[in-house]
PDB file of N, CA and C in Angstrom:
ATOM      1  N   MET A   1      50.363 -38.829 203.747  1.00  0.00           N
ATOM      2  CA  MET A   1      49.352 -39.167 204.735  1.00  0.00           C
ATOM      3  C   MET A   1      49.946 -40.078 205.792  1.00  0.00           C
ATOM      4  N   SER A   2      49.417 -39.975 206.958  1.00  0.00           N
ATOM      5  CA  SER A   2      49.892 -40.846 208.031  1.00  0.00           C
ATOM      6  C   SER A   2      49.244 -42.217 207.915  1.00  0.00           C
ATOM      7  N   ASP A   3      49.801 -43.181 208.658  1.00  0.00           N
ATOM      8  CA  ASP A   3      49.252 -44.541 208.638  1.00  0.00           C
ATOM      9  C   ASP A   3      47.814 -44.576 209.146  1.00  0.00           C
ATOM     10  N   GLN A   4      47.486 -43.712 210.114  1.00  0.00           N
ATOM     11  CA  GLN A   4      46.134 -43.685 210.661  1.00  0.00           C
ATOM     12  C   GLN A   4      45.125 -43.275 209.600  1.00  0.00           C
ATOM     13  N   ASN A   5      45.459 -42.302 208.795  1.00  0.00           N
ATOM     14  CA  ASN A   5      44.555 -41.855 207.744  1.00  0.00           C
ATOM     15  C   ASN A   5      44.409 -42.912 206.653  1.00  0.00           C
ATOM     16  N   GLN A   6      45.414 -43.753 206.482  1.00  0.00           N
ATOM     17  CA  GLN A   6      45.385 -44.759 205.433  1.00  0.00           C
ATOM     18  C   GLN A   6      44.645 -46.025 205.850  1.00  0.00           C
ATOM     19  N   LYS A   7      44.402 -46.221 207.154  1.00  0.00           N
ATOM     20  CA  LYS A   7      43.709 -47.420 207.614  1.00  0.00           C
ATOM     21  C   LYS A   7      42.297 -47.451 207.055  1.00  0.00           C
ATOM     22  N   GLY A   8      41.890 -48.622 206.594  1.00  0.00           N
ATOM     23  CA  GLY A   8      40.546 -48.788 206.087  1.00  0.00           C
ATOM     24  C   GLY A   8      40.376 -48.402 204.634  1.00  0.00           C
ATOM     25  N   LYS A   9      41.373 -47.763 204.044  1.00  0.00           N
ATOM     26  CA  LYS A   9      41.285 -47.369 202.647  1.00  0.00           C
ATOM     27  C   LYS A   9      41.944 -48.432 201.788  1.00  0.00           C
ATOM     28  N   VAL A  10      41.268 -48.775 200.708  1.00  0.00           N
ATOM     29  CA  VAL A  10      41.806 -49.753 199.778  1.00  0.00           C
ATOM     30  C   VAL A  10      41.981 -49.055 198.436  1.00  0.00           C
ATOM     31  N   VAL A  11      43.189 -49.109 197.916  1.00  0.00           N
ATOM     32  CA  VAL A  11      43.473 -48.496 196.629  1.00  0.00           C
ATOM     33  C   VAL A  11      43.262 -49.559 195.559  1.00  0.00           C
ATOM     34  N   ILE A  12      42.386 -49.245 194.610  1.00  0.00           N
ATOM     35  CA  ILE A  12      42.055 -50.182 193.537  1.00  0.00           C
ATOM     36  C   ILE A  12      42.462 -49.540 192.218  1.00  0.00           C
ATOM     37  N   HIS A  13      43.215 -50.252 191.441  1.00  0.00           N
ATOM     38  CA  HIS A  13      43.651 -49.743 190.142  1.00  0.00           C
ATOM     39  C   HIS A  13      42.418 -49.479 189.283  1.00  0.00           C
ATOM     40  N   SER A  14      42.425 -48.384 188.553  1.00  0.00           N
ATOM     41  CA  SER A  14      41.237 -47.967 187.794  1.00  0.00           C
ATOM     42  C   SER A  14      40.834 -48.995 186.732  1.00  0.00           C
ATOM     43  N   ASP A  15      41.794 -49.671 186.128  1.00  0.00           N
ATOM     44  CA  ASP A  15      41.460 -50.688 185.122  1.00  0.00           C
ATOM     45  C   ASP A  15      40.713 -51.859 185.760  1.00  0.00           C
ATOM     46  N   VAL A  16      41.177 -52.287 186.926  1.00  0.00           N
ATOM     47  CA  VAL A  16      40.520 -53.388 187.637  1.00  0.00           C
ATOM     48  C   VAL A  16      39.134 -52.953 188.089  1.00  0.00           C
ATOM     49  N   ARG A  17      39.014 -51.726 188.591  1.00  0.00           N
ATOM     50  CA  ARG A  17      37.712 -51.203 189.023  1.00  0.00           C
ATOM     51  C   ARG A  17      36.711 -51.225 187.861  1.00  0.00           C
ATOM     52  N   LYS A  18      37.152 -50.784 186.682  1.00  0.00           N
ATOM     53  CA  LYS A  18      36.266 -50.754 185.513  1.00  0.00           C
ATOM     54  C   LYS A  18      35.823 -52.157 185.116  1.00  0.00           C
ATOM     55  N   ILE A  19      36.740 -53.105 185.157  1.00  0.00           N
ATOM     56  CA  ILE A  19      36.411 -54.485 184.800  1.00  0.00           C
ATOM     57  C   ILE A  19      35.397 -55.064 185.785  1.00  0.00           C
ATOM     58  N   ILE A  20      35.603 -54.830 187.077  1.00  0.00           N
ATOM     59  CA  ILE A  20      34.686 -55.352 188.095  1.00  0.00           C
ATOM     60  C   ILE A  20      33.327 -54.674 187.963  1.00  0.00           C
ATOM     61  N   GLU A  21      33.295 -53.371 187.711  1.00  0.00           N
ATOM     62  CA  GLU A  21      32.021 -52.674 187.517  1.00  0.00           C
ATOM     63  C   GLU A  21      31.278 -53.249 186.318  1.00  0.00           C
ATOM     64  N   LYS A  22      31.994 -53.532 185.235  1.00  0.00           N
ATOM     65  CA  LYS A  22      31.361 -54.130 184.057  1.00  0.00           C
ATOM     66  C   LYS A  22      30.811 -55.517 184.383  1.00  0.00           C
ATOM     67  N   LEU A  23      31.564 -56.290 185.167  1.00  0.00           N
ATOM     68  CA  LEU A  23      31.095 -57.615 185.569  1.00  0.00           C
ATOM     69  C   LEU A  23      29.810 -57.513 186.388  1.00  0.00           C
ATOM     70  N   VAL A  24      29.774 -56.572 187.338  1.00  0.00           N
ATOM     71  CA  VAL A  24      28.583 -56.379 188.172  1.00  0.00           C
ATOM     72  C   VAL A  24      27.391 -56.026 187.294  1.00  0.00           C
ATOM     73  N   LEU A  25      27.572 -55.067 186.397  1.00  0.00           N
ATOM     74  CA  LEU A  25      26.479 -54.641 185.521  1.00  0.00           C
ATOM     75  C   LEU A  25      26.044 -55.767 184.581  1.00  0.00           C
ATOM     76  N   LYS A  26      26.988 -56.536 184.075  1.00  0.00           N
ATOM     77  CA  LYS A  26      26.669 -57.650 183.182  1.00  0.00           C
ATOM     78  C   LYS A  26      25.845 -58.705 183.912  1.00  0.00           C
ATOM     79  N   ILE A  27      26.249 -59.036 185.128  1.00  0.00           N
ATOM     80  CA  ILE A  27      25.524 -60.036 185.919  1.00  0.00           C
ATOM     81  C   ILE A  27      24.112 -59.556 186.212  1.00  0.00           C
ATOM     82  N   LEU A  28      23.984 -58.308 186.634  1.00  0.00           N
ATOM     83  CA  LEU A  28      22.660 -57.778 186.947  1.00  0.00           C
ATOM     84  C   LEU A  28      21.789 -57.669 185.695  1.00  0.00           C
ATOM     85  N   TYR A  29      22.387 -57.373 184.560  1.00  0.00           N
ATOM     86  CA  TYR A  29      21.632 -57.294 183.312  1.00  0.00           C
ATOM     87  C   TYR A  29      21.126 -58.674 182.897  1.00  0.00           C
ATOM     88  N   GLU A  30      22.006 -59.663 182.972  1.00  0.00           N
ATOM     89  CA  GLU A  30      21.637 -61.016 182.553  1.00  0.00           C
ATOM     90  C   GLU A  30      20.609 -61.658 183.485  1.00  0.00           C
ATOM     91  N   LYS A  31      20.757 -61.436 184.781  1.00  0.00           N
ATOM     92  CA  LYS A  31      19.873 -62.087 185.756  1.00  0.00           C
ATOM     93  C   LYS A  31      18.687 -61.219 186.164  1.00  0.00           C
ATOM     94  N   LYS A  32      18.634 -59.999 185.673  1.00  0.00           N
ATOM     95  CA  LYS A  32      17.602 -59.006 186.016  1.00  0.00           C
ATOM     96  C   LYS A  32      17.765 -58.486 187.437  1.00  0.00           C
ATOM     97  N   SER A  33      18.036 -59.356 188.402  1.00  0.00           N
ATOM     98  CA  SER A  33      18.328 -58.935 189.769  1.00  0.00           C
ATOM     99  C   SER A  33      18.991 -60.093 190.507  1.00  0.00           C
ATOM    100  N   VAL A  34      19.662 -59.768 191.606  1.00  0.00           N
ATOM    101  CA  VAL A  34      20.300 -60.765 192.463  1.00  0.00           C
ATOM    102  C   VAL A  34      19.818 -60.496 193.876  1.00  0.00           C
ATOM    103  N   GLN A  35      19.327 -61.516 194.554  1.00  0.00           N
ATOM    104  CA  GLN A  35      18.643 -61.336 195.826  1.00  0.00           C
ATOM    105  C   GLN A  35      19.533 -60.845 196.968  1.00  0.00           C
ATOM    106  N   THR A  36      20.770 -61.310 197.046  1.00  0.00           N
ATOM    107  CA  THR A  36      21.612 -60.924 198.179  1.00  0.00           C
ATOM    108  C   THR A  36      22.974 -60.428 197.699  1.00  0.00           C
ATOM    109  N   LEU A  37      23.609 -59.675 198.563  1.00  0.00           N
ATOM    110  CA  LEU A  37      24.953 -59.175 198.277  1.00  0.00           C
ATOM    111  C   LEU A  37      25.929 -60.333 198.143  1.00  0.00           C
ATOM    112  N   LYS A  38      25.790 -61.350 198.975  1.00  0.00           N
ATOM    113  CA  LYS A  38      26.676 -62.518 198.933  1.00  0.00           C
ATOM    114  C   LYS A  38      26.597 -63.216 197.574  1.00  0.00           C
ATOM    115  N   LEU A  39      25.386 -63.394 197.053  1.00  0.00           N
ATOM    116  CA  LEU A  39      25.234 -64.023 195.739  1.00  0.00           C
ATOM    117  C   LEU A  39      25.848 -63.170 194.644  1.00  0.00           C
ATOM    118  N   LEU A  40      25.672 -61.854 194.736  1.00  0.00           N
ATOM    119  CA  LEU A  40      26.251 -60.949 193.751  1.00  0.00           C
ATOM    120  C   LEU A  40      27.773 -61.025 193.787  1.00  0.00           C
ATOM    121  N   ILE A  41      28.349 -61.006 194.973  1.00  0.00           N
ATOM    122  CA  ILE A  41      29.807 -61.094 195.118  1.00  0.00           C
ATOM    123  C   ILE A  41      30.317 -62.427 194.572  1.00  0.00           C
ATOM    124  N   ASP A  42      29.612 -63.529 194.876  1.00  0.00           N
ATOM    125  CA  ASP A  42      30.026 -64.845 194.370  1.00  0.00           C
ATOM    126  C   ASP A  42      30.009 -64.888 192.848  1.00  0.00           C
ATOM    127  N   ASN A  43      28.974 -64.310 192.250  1.00  0.00           N
ATOM    128  CA  ASN A  43      28.892 -64.277 190.788  1.00  0.00           C
ATOM    129  C   ASN A  43      30.009 -63.424 190.190  1.00  0.00           C
ATOM    130  N   VAL A  44      30.345 -62.320 190.835  1.00  0.00           N
ATOM    131  CA  VAL A  44      31.435 -61.462 190.353  1.00  0.00           C
ATOM    132  C   VAL A  44      32.766 -62.194 190.495  1.00  0.00           C
ATOM    133  N   LEU A  45      32.948 -62.926 191.589  1.00  0.00           N
ATOM    134  CA  LEU A  45      34.187 -63.701 191.762  1.00  0.00           C
ATOM    135  C   LEU A  45      34.335 -64.747 190.658  1.00  0.00           C
ATOM    136  N   GLU A  46      33.242 -65.395 190.296  1.00  0.00           N
ATOM    137  CA  GLU A  46      33.290 -66.378 189.208  1.00  0.00           C
ATOM    138  C   GLU A  46      33.686 -65.702 187.896  1.00  0.00           C
ATOM    139  N   GLY A  47      33.111 -64.548 187.621  1.00  0.00           N
ATOM    140  CA  GLY A  47      33.464 -63.809 186.414  1.00  0.00           C
ATOM    141  C   GLY A  47      34.903 -63.328 186.429  1.00  0.00           C
ATOM    142  N   ALA A  48      35.380 -62.934 187.608  1.00  0.00           N
ATOM    143  CA  ALA A  48      36.764 -62.480 187.738  1.00  0.00           C
ATOM    144  C   ALA A  48      37.739 -63.623 187.470  1.00  0.00           C
ATOM    145  N   VAL A  49      37.400 -64.822 187.930  1.00  0.00           N
ATOM    146  CA  VAL A  49      38.256 -65.985 187.677  1.00  0.00           C
ATOM    147  C   VAL A  49      38.317 -66.264 186.178  1.00  0.00           C
ATOM    148  N   LYS A  50      37.175 -66.181 185.502  1.00  0.00           N
ATOM    149  CA  LYS A  50      37.155 -66.404 184.058  1.00  0.00           C
ATOM    150  C   LYS A  50      37.973 -65.343 183.321  1.00  0.00           C
ATOM    151  N   SER A  51      37.993 -64.121 183.873  1.00  0.00           N
ATOM    152  CA  SER A  51      38.764 -63.030 183.272  1.00  0.00           C
ATOM    153  C   SER A  51      40.206 -63.006 183.744  1.00  0.00           C
ATOM    154  N   ARG A  52      40.561 -63.969 184.589  1.00  0.00           N
ATOM    155  CA  ARG A  52      41.917 -64.094 185.144  1.00  0.00           C
ATOM    156  C   ARG A  52      42.314 -62.877 185.975  1.00  0.00           C
ATOM    157  N   ILE A  53      41.389 -62.441 186.813  1.00  0.00           N
ATOM    158  CA  ILE A  53      41.647 -61.328 187.716  1.00  0.00           C
ATOM    159  C   ILE A  53      41.591 -61.861 189.138  1.00  0.00           C
ATOM    160  N   THR A  54      42.600 -61.538 189.917  1.00  0.00           N
ATOM    161  CA  THR A  54      42.619 -61.920 191.314  1.00  0.00           C
ATOM    162  C   THR A  54      42.129 -60.736 192.130  1.00  0.00           C
ATOM    163  N   ILE A  55      41.045 -60.939 192.868  1.00  0.00           N
ATOM    164  CA  ILE A  55      40.452 -59.859 193.646  1.00  0.00           C
ATOM    165  C   ILE A  55      39.744 -60.471 194.840  1.00  0.00           C
ATOM    166  N   SER A  56      39.659 -59.723 195.918  1.00  0.00           N
ATOM    167  CA  SER A  56      39.037 -60.248 197.135  1.00  0.00           C
ATOM    168  C   SER A  56      37.573 -59.828 197.235  1.00  0.00           C
ATOM    169  N   GLU A  57      36.836 -60.541 198.076  1.00  0.00           N
ATOM    170  CA  GLU A  57      35.435 -60.208 198.327  1.00  0.00           C
ATOM    171  C   GLU A  57      35.305 -58.808 198.906  1.00  0.00           C
ATOM    172  N   LYS A  58      36.246 -58.425 199.753  1.00  0.00           N
ATOM    173  CA  LYS A  58      36.207 -57.106 200.388  1.00  0.00           C
ATOM    174  C   LYS A  58      36.270 -55.990 199.348  1.00  0.00           C
ATOM    175  N   VAL A  59      37.131 -56.139 198.369  1.00  0.00           N
ATOM    176  CA  VAL A  59      37.274 -55.122 197.320  1.00  0.00           C
ATOM    177  C   VAL A  59      36.019 -55.085 196.452  1.00  0.00           C
ATOM    178  N   ILE A  60      35.493 -56.253 196.114  1.00  0.00           N
ATOM    179  CA  ILE A  60      34.257 -56.300 195.323  1.00  0.00           C
ATOM    180  C   ILE A  60      33.128 -55.629 196.090  1.00  0.00           C
ATOM    181  N   ASN A  61      33.037 -55.895 197.382  1.00  0.00           N
ATOM    182  CA  ASN A  61      32.011 -55.270 198.224  1.00  0.00           C
ATOM    183  C   ASN A  61      32.144 -53.752 198.200  1.00  0.00           C
ATOM    184  N   LYS A  62      33.363 -53.245 198.310  1.00  0.00           N
ATOM    185  CA  LYS A  62      33.584 -51.791 198.277  1.00  0.00           C
ATOM    186  C   LYS A  62      33.168 -51.199 196.935  1.00  0.00           C
ATOM    187  N   ILE A  63      33.471 -51.889 195.841  1.00  0.00           N
ATOM    188  CA  ILE A  63      33.092 -51.402 194.518  1.00  0.00           C
ATOM    189  C   ILE A  63      31.572 -51.389 194.377  1.00  0.00           C
ATOM    190  N   ILE A  64      30.903 -52.440 194.843  1.00  0.00           N
ATOM    191  CA  ILE A  64      29.435 -52.504 194.778  1.00  0.00           C
ATOM    192  C   ILE A  64      28.815 -51.388 195.607  1.00  0.00           C
ATOM    193  N   GLN A  65      29.339 -51.166 196.807  1.00  0.00           N
ATOM    194  CA  GLN A  65      28.799 -50.095 197.654  1.00  0.00           C
ATOM    195  C   GLN A  65      29.014 -48.727 197.008  1.00  0.00           C
ATOM    196  N   GLN A  66      30.153 -48.534 196.348  1.00  0.00           N
ATOM    197  CA  GLN A  66      30.400 -47.259 195.666  1.00  0.00           C
ATOM    198  C   GLN A  66      29.454 -47.086 194.487  1.00  0.00           C
ATOM    199  N   MET A  67      29.206 -48.166 193.764  1.00  0.00           N
ATOM    200  CA  MET A  67      28.251 -48.099 192.656  1.00  0.00           C
ATOM    201  C   MET A  67      26.849 -47.768 193.170  1.00  0.00           C
ATOM    202  N   ASN A  68      26.520 -48.283 194.342  1.00  0.00           N
ATOM    203  CA  ASN A  68      25.233 -47.983 194.970  1.00  0.00           C
ATOM    204  C   ASN A  68      25.161 -46.504 195.339  1.00  0.00           C
ATOM    205  N   LYS A  69      26.234 -45.963 195.914  1.00  0.00           N
ATOM    206  CA  LYS A  69      26.274 -44.540 196.272  1.00  0.00           C
ATOM    207  C   LYS A  69      26.182 -43.652 195.039  1.00  0.00           C
ATOM    208  N   ASP A  70      26.769 -44.114 193.927  1.00  0.00           N
ATOM    209  CA  ASP A  70      26.755 -43.348 192.681  1.00  0.00           C
ATOM    210  C   ASP A  70      25.443 -43.521 191.915  1.00  0.00           C
ATOM    211  N   ASN A  71      24.489 -44.246 192.493  1.00  0.00           N
ATOM    212  CA  ASN A  71      23.173 -44.502 191.891  1.00  0.00           C
ATOM    213  C   ASN A  71      23.246 -45.242 190.563  1.00  0.00           C
ATOM    214  N   ARG A  72      24.215 -46.127 190.424  1.00  0.00           N
ATOM    215  CA  ARG A  72      24.302 -46.957 189.222  1.00  0.00           C
ATOM    216  C   ARG A  72      23.547 -48.262 189.418  1.00  0.00           C
ATOM    217  N   ILE A  73      23.538 -48.757 190.659  1.00  0.00           N
ATOM    218  CA  ILE A  73      22.762 -49.941 191.017  1.00  0.00           C
ATOM    219  C   ILE A  73      22.026 -49.625 192.312  1.00  0.00           C
ATOM    220  N   GLN A  74      21.037 -50.460 192.639  1.00  0.00           N
ATOM    221  CA  GLN A  74      20.299 -50.228 193.883  1.00  0.00           C
ATOM    222  C   GLN A  74      19.855 -51.549 194.472  1.00  0.00           C
ATOM    223  N   PHE A  75      19.562 -51.533 195.761  1.00  0.00           N
ATOM    224  CA  PHE A  75      19.055 -52.702 196.448  1.00  0.00           C
ATOM    225  C   PHE A  75      17.655 -52.406 196.928  1.00  0.00           C
ATOM    226  N   THR A  76      16.722 -53.297 196.628  1.00  0.00           N
ATOM    227  CA  THR A  76      15.365 -53.189 197.148  1.00  0.00           C
ATOM    228  C   THR A  76      15.024 -54.476 197.878  1.00  0.00           C
ATOM    229  N   GLN A  77      14.189 -54.376 198.888  1.00  0.00           N
ATOM    230  CA  GLN A  77      13.812 -55.554 199.662  1.00  0.00           C
ATOM    231  C   GLN A  77      13.068 -56.578 198.803  1.00  0.00           C
ATOM    232  N   ARG A  78      12.289 -56.101 197.884  1.00  0.00           N
ATOM    233  CA  ARG A  78      11.471 -56.996 197.063  1.00  0.00           C
ATOM    234  C   ARG A  78      12.283 -57.696 195.981  1.00  0.00           C
ATOM    235  N   GLU A  79      13.128 -56.962 195.279  1.00  0.00           N
ATOM    236  CA  GLU A  79      13.812 -57.520 194.114  1.00  0.00           C
ATOM    237  C   GLU A  79      15.294 -57.802 194.324  1.00  0.00           C
ATOM    238  N   GLY A  80      15.895 -57.260 195.363  1.00  0.00           N
ATOM    239  CA  GLY A  80      17.329 -57.443 195.580  1.00  0.00           C
ATOM    240  C   GLY A  80      18.136 -56.409 194.815  1.00  0.00           C
ATOM    241  N   TRP A  81      19.352 -56.770 194.438  1.00  0.00           N
ATOM    242  CA  TRP A  81      20.226 -55.854 193.695  1.00  0.00           C
ATOM    243  C   TRP A  81      19.806 -55.813 192.242  1.00  0.00           C
ATOM    244  N   LYS A  82      19.751 -54.630 191.670  1.00  0.00           N
ATOM    245  CA  LYS A  82      19.431 -54.477 190.254  1.00  0.00           C
ATOM    246  C   LYS A  82      20.030 -53.179 189.733  1.00  0.00           C
ATOM    247  N   ILE A  83      20.069 -53.078 188.406  1.00  0.00           N
ATOM    248  CA  ILE A  83      20.584 -51.880 187.769  1.00  0.00           C
ATOM    249  C   ILE A  83      19.541 -50.787 187.959  1.00  0.00           C
ATOM    250  N   LYS A  84      19.996 -49.600 188.337  1.00  0.00           N
ATOM    251  CA  LYS A  84      19.085 -48.480 188.515  1.00  0.00           C
ATOM    252  C   LYS A  84      18.885 -47.772 187.185  1.00  0.00           C
ATOM    253  N   ILE A  85      17.648 -47.656 186.802  1.00  0.00           N
ATOM    254  CA  ILE A  85      17.327 -47.015 185.518  1.00  0.00           C
ATOM    255  C   ILE A  85      16.760 -45.639 185.764  1.00  0.00           C
TER     256      ILE A  85
END
């Protein structure tokens, strides 16, 4: 692929992706919902530090958005981010 096609794409190792997805689901399960994306990202960053994983907010945001597209989690105006059942 050319450099132009690669711009904007972030390659995330599948093991790290799975760990971050589990962290997101765990946080949403424990808290029932999180009001804003920023709060969700901050909570995931805290969990990542405890798990000794170095990851950026941008990557966490991309994983959360992908989980939203895959209908694993959802955002509602009333409740915020929550697990989609």
